[in-house]
Amino acid sequence: MSPTDASALLGSAERLGLDDLQSRFDARPGYLAACTAGIPPRETVTALAADLAEWSGGHRGLAGYGLAVEEARAAFARLVGVPAEQVATGSQVSVTTGMIAASLPGGSEVLVVDGDFSSMVFPFLVQQQRGRLTVRCVPLDELAAAIGPSTTLVSFSLVQSATGALADADAIVEAAARHGAATYCDTTQAAGWMPVDASRYDVTVCHAYKWLCSPRGASFMTVTPEFAERLVPVDAGWYAGDEVWGSCYGPGMQLAATARRFDVSPAWPVWIGAARSLELFASADLEAVRAHDVGLADELRSWLGLPVGGSTGSTPIVSWPDPDGSAFAALTAAGIAASSRAGRARVAFHLWNTPADVALVKTALA
């Protein structure tokens, strides 16, 4: 299924246009770090402030937090085109990866990407050190070709954090299906600026604090019913229970029949904000967001002499070699929020950015 088809899965309601979306943010000029941490829309700021006020006055109602979790779960499900019953809520990508790694049968082979974010790699390496798994690490552009009959699971990020490279998901999914391997895709650097169809993969994970502009500490796992049967809910607690508030004490255990059995206990205030941000992006015209974000990034790429891939071949992350850190230092000195990763300078363009931000980078680097 193409990203455009995935967007259609989100429903027939009218989408929020680019102007409407941009009006929700109050970012300062030069904030080019959505790939590091997004900026909350006004609705999220308002909800968090109201919750803080209620807490400080001793009027915090716990039922409201459970409602916020379910609102966020439903919004994320719409965003990535899967039923809410296939969405589990979490806190960090590494926790989800750790559960998957611990659930794989001994002797399984896992393919990971060279240079991928450590949360998609380290938990598998830990199991390899214990002698349970075999981990093979290959370059992103060789991942599909590296899948073979011995491969149990392919772990990769749809968009690479350090470089902004976009994975060839079609080739990876096709090769995995041909060899009977499962696919595990991190959509953290993709969801929020492009349409994502999570149903293409056996299991996905996404932390919402980057392009989805949520508070840090709200993550999501989507899992097909078939692959869910292969997972062991090793982090199960009261929030994984079929009846949450009836699962506070053991030893009686009745876990949820849906993906909720993989939920971890939520950090309450985080989800108050996450629900508002997720509802905004679940209603967004993501094709328009992608065209805007990638258009700005490609303008900078062209000026830097980097390959330009257009709205379907590029990402909003622009990354280039910066071994001595001079480019990052120049950006920082100019008041631009950028980042430095793996010996590369990195900037990212999202809803709040304009051509003026591209001009700021050019001036700083010139």
Protein backbone atom coordinates (compact mmCIF):
# COMPACT_ATOMS: atom_id res chain seq x y z
CA MET A 1 0.00 0.00 0.00
CA SER A 2 1.32 3.41 -0.95
CA PRO A 3 1.62 6.32 1.51
CA THR A 4 -1.22 8.03 -0.35
CA ASP A 5 -3.44 4.97 0.14
CA ALA A 6 -2.47 4.97 3.81
CA SER A 7 -3.64 8.56 4.09
CA ALA A 8 -7.04 7.51 2.76
CA LEU A 9 -7.38 5.00 5.60
CA LEU A 10 -7.58 7.86 8.05
CA GLY A 11 -11.19 8.58 7.14
CA SER A 12 -13.19 10.81 4.87
CA ALA A 13 -13.42 13.84 7.17
CA GLU A 14 -12.05 17.08 5.81
CA ARG A 15 -8.37 17.48 6.57
CA LEU A 16 -6.82 20.46 8.34
CA GLY A 17 -4.96 22.50 5.75
CA LEU A 18 -1.43 23.79 6.01
CA ASP A 19 -2.40 27.34 7.02
CA ASP A 20 -4.64 26.06 9.80
CA LEU A 21 -1.96 23.72 11.11
CA GLN A 22 0.75 26.36 11.03
CA SER A 23 -1.43 28.78 12.99
CA ARG A 24 -1.37 26.39 15.97
CA PHE A 25 2.36 26.88 16.68
CA ASP A 26 4.35 29.71 18.26
CA ALA A 27 7.89 28.58 17.44
CA ARG A 28 10.66 31.15 17.27
CA PRO A 29 12.49 31.72 13.98
CA GLY A 30 15.37 29.32 13.48
CA TYR A 31 13.97 26.35 15.37
CA LEU A 32 15.13 23.58 13.03
CA ALA A 33 15.12 20.63 15.40
CA ALA A 34 11.88 18.69 14.98
CA CYS A 35 14.02 15.58 14.48
CA THR A 36 15.35 16.17 18.02
CA ALA A 37 12.19 17.40 19.76
CA GLY A 38 9.01 18.86 18.38
CA ILE A 39 7.22 21.96 19.61
CA PRO A 40 3.76 21.63 21.18
CA PRO A 41 0.77 23.23 19.47
CA ARG A 42 -1.31 25.68 21.47
CA GLU A 43 -3.95 23.06 22.29
CA THR A 44 -1.31 20.93 23.97
CA VAL A 45 0.12 23.83 25.95
CA THR A 46 -3.36 24.77 27.15
CA ALA A 47 -4.20 21.21 28.20
CA LEU A 48 -0.93 20.79 30.09
CA ALA A 49 -1.34 24.12 31.87
CA ALA A 50 -4.90 23.23 32.91
CA ASP A 51 -3.73 19.88 34.26
CA LEU A 52 -0.93 21.51 36.22
CA ALA A 53 -3.38 23.98 37.72
CA GLU A 54 -5.74 21.19 38.77
CA TRP A 55 -2.88 19.20 40.27
CA SER A 56 -1.58 22.19 42.22
CA GLY A 57 -5.05 22.76 43.66
CA GLY A 58 -5.54 19.15 44.68
CA HIS A 59 -8.31 18.56 42.15
CA ARG A 60 -6.58 16.04 39.90
CA GLY A 61 -9.09 13.43 38.69
CA LEU A 62 -7.35 10.19 37.78
CA ALA A 63 -10.10 9.06 35.43
CA GLY A 64 -9.19 11.90 33.11
CA TYR A 65 -5.73 10.45 32.55
CA GLY A 66 -7.12 7.13 31.44
CA LEU A 67 -9.40 8.97 29.03
CA ALA A 68 -6.43 10.90 27.63
CA VAL A 69 -4.53 7.65 27.01
CA GLU A 70 -7.47 6.22 25.08
CA GLU A 71 -7.93 9.42 23.10
CA ALA A 72 -4.27 9.36 22.14
CA ARG A 73 -4.44 5.66 21.24
CA ALA A 74 -7.46 6.22 19.00
CA ALA A 75 -5.89 9.26 17.33
CA PHE A 76 -2.63 7.42 16.65
CA ALA A 77 -4.56 4.49 15.21
CA ARG A 78 -6.28 6.86 12.77
CA LEU A 79 -2.97 8.50 11.96
CA VAL A 80 -1.27 5.25 10.89
CA GLY A 81 -4.28 3.39 9.51
CA VAL A 82 -4.80 0.51 11.95
CA PRO A 83 -7.59 -0.42 14.41
CA ALA A 84 -7.14 0.95 17.93
CA GLU A 85 -7.21 -2.66 19.18
CA GLN A 86 -3.81 -3.15 17.51
CA VAL A 87 -2.17 -0.18 19.30
CA ALA A 88 -0.28 -0.45 22.59
CA THR A 89 0.92 2.55 24.54
CA GLY A 90 4.42 2.84 25.96
CA SER A 91 7.11 5.20 27.10
CA GLN A 92 10.29 4.55 25.09
CA VAL A 93 11.25 2.80 21.87
CA SER A 94 13.89 0.71 23.65
CA VAL A 95 11.28 -0.79 26.00
CA THR A 96 9.22 -2.02 23.06
CA THR A 97 12.32 -3.32 21.28
CA GLY A 98 13.44 -5.07 24.46
CA MET A 99 10.13 -6.91 24.72
CA ILE A 100 10.34 -8.00 21.08
CA ALA A 101 13.95 -9.14 21.50
CA ALA A 102 13.09 -11.13 24.62
CA SER A 103 10.11 -12.74 22.86
CA LEU A 104 12.03 -14.10 19.86
CA PRO A 105 12.85 -17.82 20.03
CA GLY A 106 16.42 -18.76 20.84
CA GLY A 107 18.57 -19.03 17.73
CA SER A 108 16.64 -16.38 15.80
CA GLU A 109 18.49 -14.15 13.36
CA VAL A 110 17.76 -10.43 13.47
CA LEU A 111 18.80 -8.00 10.75
CA VAL A 112 19.51 -4.43 11.90
CA VAL A 113 20.71 -1.33 10.07
CA ASP A 114 24.27 -0.05 10.40
CA GLY A 115 23.99 3.36 12.05
CA ASP A 116 20.36 2.99 13.10
CA PHE A 117 19.21 4.55 16.35
CA SER A 118 20.50 2.47 19.26
CA SER A 119 17.01 1.79 20.65
CA MET A 120 16.39 -0.33 17.55
CA VAL A 121 19.69 -2.17 17.92
CA PHE A 122 20.93 -2.46 21.51
CA PRO A 123 18.16 -4.71 22.89
CA PHE A 124 18.90 -7.28 20.18
CA LEU A 125 22.64 -7.05 20.87
CA VAL A 126 21.96 -7.66 24.56
CA GLN A 127 20.17 -10.88 23.65
CA GLN A 128 23.05 -11.80 21.33
CA GLN A 129 25.51 -11.35 24.22
CA ARG A 130 23.38 -13.77 26.20
CA GLY A 131 23.70 -16.28 23.37
CA ARG A 132 20.00 -16.20 22.47
CA LEU A 133 20.01 -14.32 19.16
CA THR A 134 22.24 -13.76 16.15
CA VAL A 135 22.36 -10.15 14.98
CA ARG A 136 23.52 -9.11 11.52
CA CYS A 137 24.17 -5.43 10.80
CA VAL A 138 24.03 -4.18 7.20
CA PRO A 139 23.85 -0.78 5.43
CA LEU A 140 20.36 0.57 4.88
CA ASP A 141 20.54 0.33 1.08
CA GLU A 142 21.52 -3.35 1.36
CA LEU A 143 18.88 -4.34 3.89
CA ALA A 144 16.32 -5.86 1.52
CA ALA A 145 18.96 -7.87 -0.32
CA ALA A 146 20.37 -9.17 2.98
CA ILE A 147 17.10 -10.82 4.03
CA GLY A 148 17.31 -14.55 3.61
CA PRO A 149 15.75 -17.86 4.68
CA SER A 150 17.56 -17.70 8.04
CA THR A 151 16.17 -14.23 8.90
CA THR A 152 13.55 -14.16 11.64
CA LEU A 153 13.08 -10.41 12.06
CA VAL A 154 14.11 -7.27 10.17
CA SER A 155 14.48 -4.19 12.39
CA PHE A 156 14.80 -0.76 10.77
CA SER A 157 13.78 2.87 11.01
CA LEU A 158 11.62 4.16 8.18
CA VAL A 159 13.67 7.38 8.28
CA GLN A 160 17.20 7.28 9.64
CA SER A 161 17.81 9.64 12.54
CA ALA A 162 21.42 10.60 11.77
CA THR A 163 21.18 11.04 8.01
CA GLY A 164 17.49 11.49 7.21
CA ALA A 165 17.71 8.63 4.69
CA LEU A 166 14.36 7.09 3.72
CA ALA A 167 14.20 3.29 3.77
CA ASP A 168 12.96 1.43 0.70
CA ALA A 169 10.01 0.00 2.60
CA ASP A 170 8.49 -1.64 -0.48
CA ALA A 171 11.62 -3.69 -1.14
CA ILE A 172 12.11 -4.58 2.52
CA VAL A 173 8.52 -5.72 3.03
CA GLU A 174 8.53 -7.72 -0.20
CA ALA A 175 11.81 -9.48 0.61
CA ALA A 176 10.69 -10.22 4.16
CA ALA A 177 7.43 -11.75 2.94
CA ARG A 178 9.29 -13.84 0.38
CA HIS A 179 11.56 -15.33 3.04
CA GLY A 180 9.01 -15.57 5.85
CA ALA A 181 10.68 -12.91 8.02
CA ALA A 182 8.80 -10.47 10.25
CA THR A 183 9.23 -6.70 9.95
CA TYR A 184 9.75 -4.27 12.81
CA CYS A 185 9.69 -0.61 11.74
CA ASP A 186 10.42 2.51 13.79
CA THR A 187 8.30 5.38 12.48
CA THR A 188 9.48 7.98 15.02
CA GLN A 189 11.21 10.13 12.37
CA ALA A 190 8.37 9.69 9.85
CA ALA A 191 4.95 9.89 11.50
CA GLY A 192 3.78 13.49 11.64
CA TRP A 193 5.31 14.80 8.40
CA MET A 194 4.31 12.03 5.95
CA PRO A 195 1.50 9.49 5.66
CA VAL A 196 2.47 6.22 7.38
CA ASP A 197 0.70 2.91 6.88
CA ALA A 198 1.57 0.81 9.92
CA SER A 199 -0.47 -2.14 8.66
CA ARG A 200 2.32 -2.93 6.20
CA TYR A 201 4.54 -4.18 9.02
CA ASP A 202 4.19 -6.93 11.60
CA VAL A 203 5.07 -4.49 14.37
CA THR A 204 5.95 -0.79 14.53
CA VAL A 205 7.04 1.62 17.23
CA CYS A 206 6.82 5.40 17.38
CA HIS A 207 7.82 7.93 20.00
CA ALA A 208 5.56 10.95 19.62
CA TYR A 209 7.79 13.73 20.96
CA LYS A 210 9.44 14.58 17.64
CA TRP A 211 7.34 15.20 14.52
CA LEU A 212 4.09 14.55 16.41
CA CYS A 213 4.91 17.37 18.82
CA SER A 214 3.90 15.56 22.02
CA PRO A 215 5.56 15.63 25.44
CA ARG A 216 8.38 13.12 25.74
CA GLY A 217 7.26 9.85 27.32
CA ALA A 218 4.40 8.82 25.02
CA SER A 219 5.17 6.06 22.55
CA PHE A 220 3.06 3.63 20.55
CA MET A 221 3.41 0.11 19.25
CA THR A 222 1.21 -1.28 16.50
CA VAL A 223 1.12 -5.03 16.10
CA THR A 224 -0.81 -7.43 13.89
CA PRO A 225 -2.89 -10.02 15.74
CA GLU A 226 -0.70 -12.78 14.30
CA PHE A 227 2.57 -11.28 15.51
CA ALA A 228 1.01 -10.34 18.85
CA GLU A 229 0.66 -14.05 19.58
CA ARG A 230 4.44 -14.34 19.30
CA LEU A 231 5.12 -11.61 21.85
CA VAL A 232 5.50 -12.08 25.59
CA PRO A 233 4.21 -9.10 27.64
CA VAL A 234 7.28 -9.10 29.88
CA ASP A 235 6.52 -5.58 31.14
CA ALA A 236 2.94 -6.36 32.10
CA GLY A 237 1.61 -4.42 35.06
CA TRP A 238 -1.73 -3.11 36.21
CA TYR A 239 -2.21 -1.11 33.01
CA ALA A 240 -2.00 -4.27 30.90
CA GLY A 241 -4.95 -5.77 32.73
CA ASP A 242 -8.27 -6.43 31.03
CA GLU A 243 -9.84 -4.17 33.66
CA VAL A 244 -7.17 -1.58 34.50
CA TRP A 245 -8.36 -0.46 37.92
CA GLY A 246 -9.24 -4.03 38.84
CA SER A 247 -5.69 -5.18 38.13
CA CYS A 248 -3.83 -3.25 40.82
CA TYR A 249 -3.01 -6.27 42.97
CA GLY A 250 -1.89 -9.83 42.37
CA PRO A 251 -1.76 -12.71 42.09
CA GLY A 252 -4.91 -12.89 39.98
CA MET A 253 -4.00 -11.84 36.42
CA GLN A 254 -6.31 -11.31 33.48
CA LEU A 255 -4.48 -9.43 30.73
CA ALA A 256 -6.30 -7.54 27.98
CA ALA A 257 -7.12 -9.56 24.89
CA THR A 258 -6.11 -6.71 22.58
CA ALA A 259 -2.74 -4.99 22.13
CA ARG A 260 -3.49 -3.26 25.45
CA ARG A 261 -1.84 -6.24 27.17
CA PHE A 262 1.45 -4.70 26.06
CA ASP A 263 0.66 -1.28 27.60
CA VAL A 264 2.95 0.11 30.28
CA SER A 265 1.73 2.35 33.07
CA PRO A 266 1.39 5.90 31.65
CA ALA A 267 3.18 8.98 32.96
CA TRP A 268 -0.08 10.83 33.49
CA PRO A 269 0.60 14.49 32.54
CA VAL A 270 2.42 13.38 29.38
CA TRP A 271 -0.73 11.85 27.97
CA ILE A 272 -2.84 14.92 28.64
CA GLY A 273 -0.62 16.74 26.15
CA ALA A 274 -0.11 13.80 23.80
CA ALA A 275 -3.84 13.36 23.25
CA ARG A 276 -4.22 16.92 21.98
CA SER A 277 -1.16 16.74 19.71
CA LEU A 278 -2.15 13.37 18.28
CA GLU A 279 -5.69 14.50 17.55
CA LEU A 280 -4.31 17.47 15.64
CA PHE A 281 -2.01 15.37 13.45
CA ALA A 282 -4.62 12.65 12.94
CA SER A 283 -6.76 15.37 11.33
CA ALA A 284 -3.95 16.88 9.27
CA ASP A 285 -3.47 16.84 5.51
CA LEU A 286 -0.17 14.98 5.71
CA GLU A 287 0.47 15.22 1.99
CA ALA A 288 0.43 19.00 2.36
CA VAL A 289 2.68 18.76 5.42
CA ARG A 290 5.13 16.58 3.52
CA ALA A 291 5.21 18.93 0.53
CA HIS A 292 5.86 21.91 2.81
CA ASP A 293 8.52 20.25 4.98
CA VAL A 294 10.40 18.52 2.16
CA GLY A 295 10.18 21.59 -0.06
CA LEU A 296 12.09 23.68 2.47
CA ALA A 297 14.61 20.88 3.05
CA ASP A 298 15.20 20.43 -0.69
CA GLU A 299 15.79 24.16 -1.09
CA LEU A 300 18.61 23.91 1.43
CA ARG A 301 19.90 20.67 -0.10
CA SER A 302 20.14 22.33 -3.49
CA TRP A 303 22.13 25.21 -2.02
CA LEU A 304 24.44 22.76 -0.21
CA GLY A 305 24.97 20.72 -3.38
CA LEU A 306 23.24 17.66 -1.94
CA PRO A 307 20.93 15.36 -3.93
CA VAL A 308 17.33 16.58 -4.13
CA GLY A 309 14.67 13.89 -4.18
CA GLY A 310 11.39 15.80 -4.25
CA SER A 311 8.37 15.31 -2.00
CA THR A 312 8.29 11.52 -2.36
CA GLY A 313 12.03 10.85 -2.38
CA SER A 314 13.36 13.25 0.24
CA THR A 315 12.77 13.80 3.92
CA PRO A 316 12.64 17.05 5.95
CA ILE A 317 15.95 16.14 7.61
CA VAL A 318 19.03 17.68 5.99
CA SER A 319 22.30 16.17 7.14
CA TRP A 320 25.83 16.68 5.82
CA PRO A 321 29.39 15.79 6.91
CA ASP A 322 30.72 18.08 9.62
CA PRO A 323 33.68 16.19 11.13
CA ASP A 324 35.15 19.19 12.96
CA GLY A 325 31.79 20.55 14.10
CA SER A 326 32.33 23.91 12.42
CA ALA A 327 28.97 23.94 10.63
CA PHE A 328 27.09 23.07 13.81
CA ALA A 329 29.02 25.77 15.69
CA ALA A 330 28.14 28.35 13.03
CA LEU A 331 24.46 27.43 13.16
CA THR A 332 24.42 27.60 16.95
CA ALA A 333 26.21 30.96 16.96
CA ALA A 334 23.50 32.31 14.65
CA GLY A 335 20.80 31.25 17.11
CA ILE A 336 19.62 28.34 14.99
CA ALA A 337 18.43 25.24 16.83
CA ALA A 338 20.24 22.46 14.98
CA SER A 339 21.94 19.24 16.04
CA SER A 340 25.12 17.27 15.54
CA ARG A 341 24.91 13.52 15.06
CA ALA A 342 27.50 10.91 14.03
CA GLY A 343 29.95 13.53 12.74
CA ARG A 344 27.27 15.30 10.73
CA ALA A 345 25.41 18.59 11.05
CA ARG A 346 21.64 18.17 10.99
CA VAL A 347 18.64 20.46 10.59
CA ALA A 348 14.98 19.60 10.12
CA PHE A 349 12.00 21.52 8.74
CA HIS A 350 8.45 21.18 10.03
CA LEU A 351 5.16 23.06 10.09
CA TRP A 352 6.42 26.18 11.86
CA ASN A 353 9.33 26.74 9.48
CA THR A 354 9.33 29.10 6.49
CA PRO A 355 11.70 30.07 3.66
CA ALA A 356 13.12 32.64 6.09
CA ASP A 357 14.56 29.75 8.12
CA VAL A 358 16.32 28.41 5.02
CA ALA A 359 17.79 31.88 4.52
CA LEU A 360 19.01 31.90 8.14
CA VAL A 361 20.93 28.67 7.56
CA LYS A 362 22.46 29.93 4.31
CA THR A 363 23.60 33.13 6.01
CA ALA A 364 25.08 31.25 8.97
CA LEU A 365 26.99 28.81 6.78
CA ALA A 366 28.08 31.37 4.21
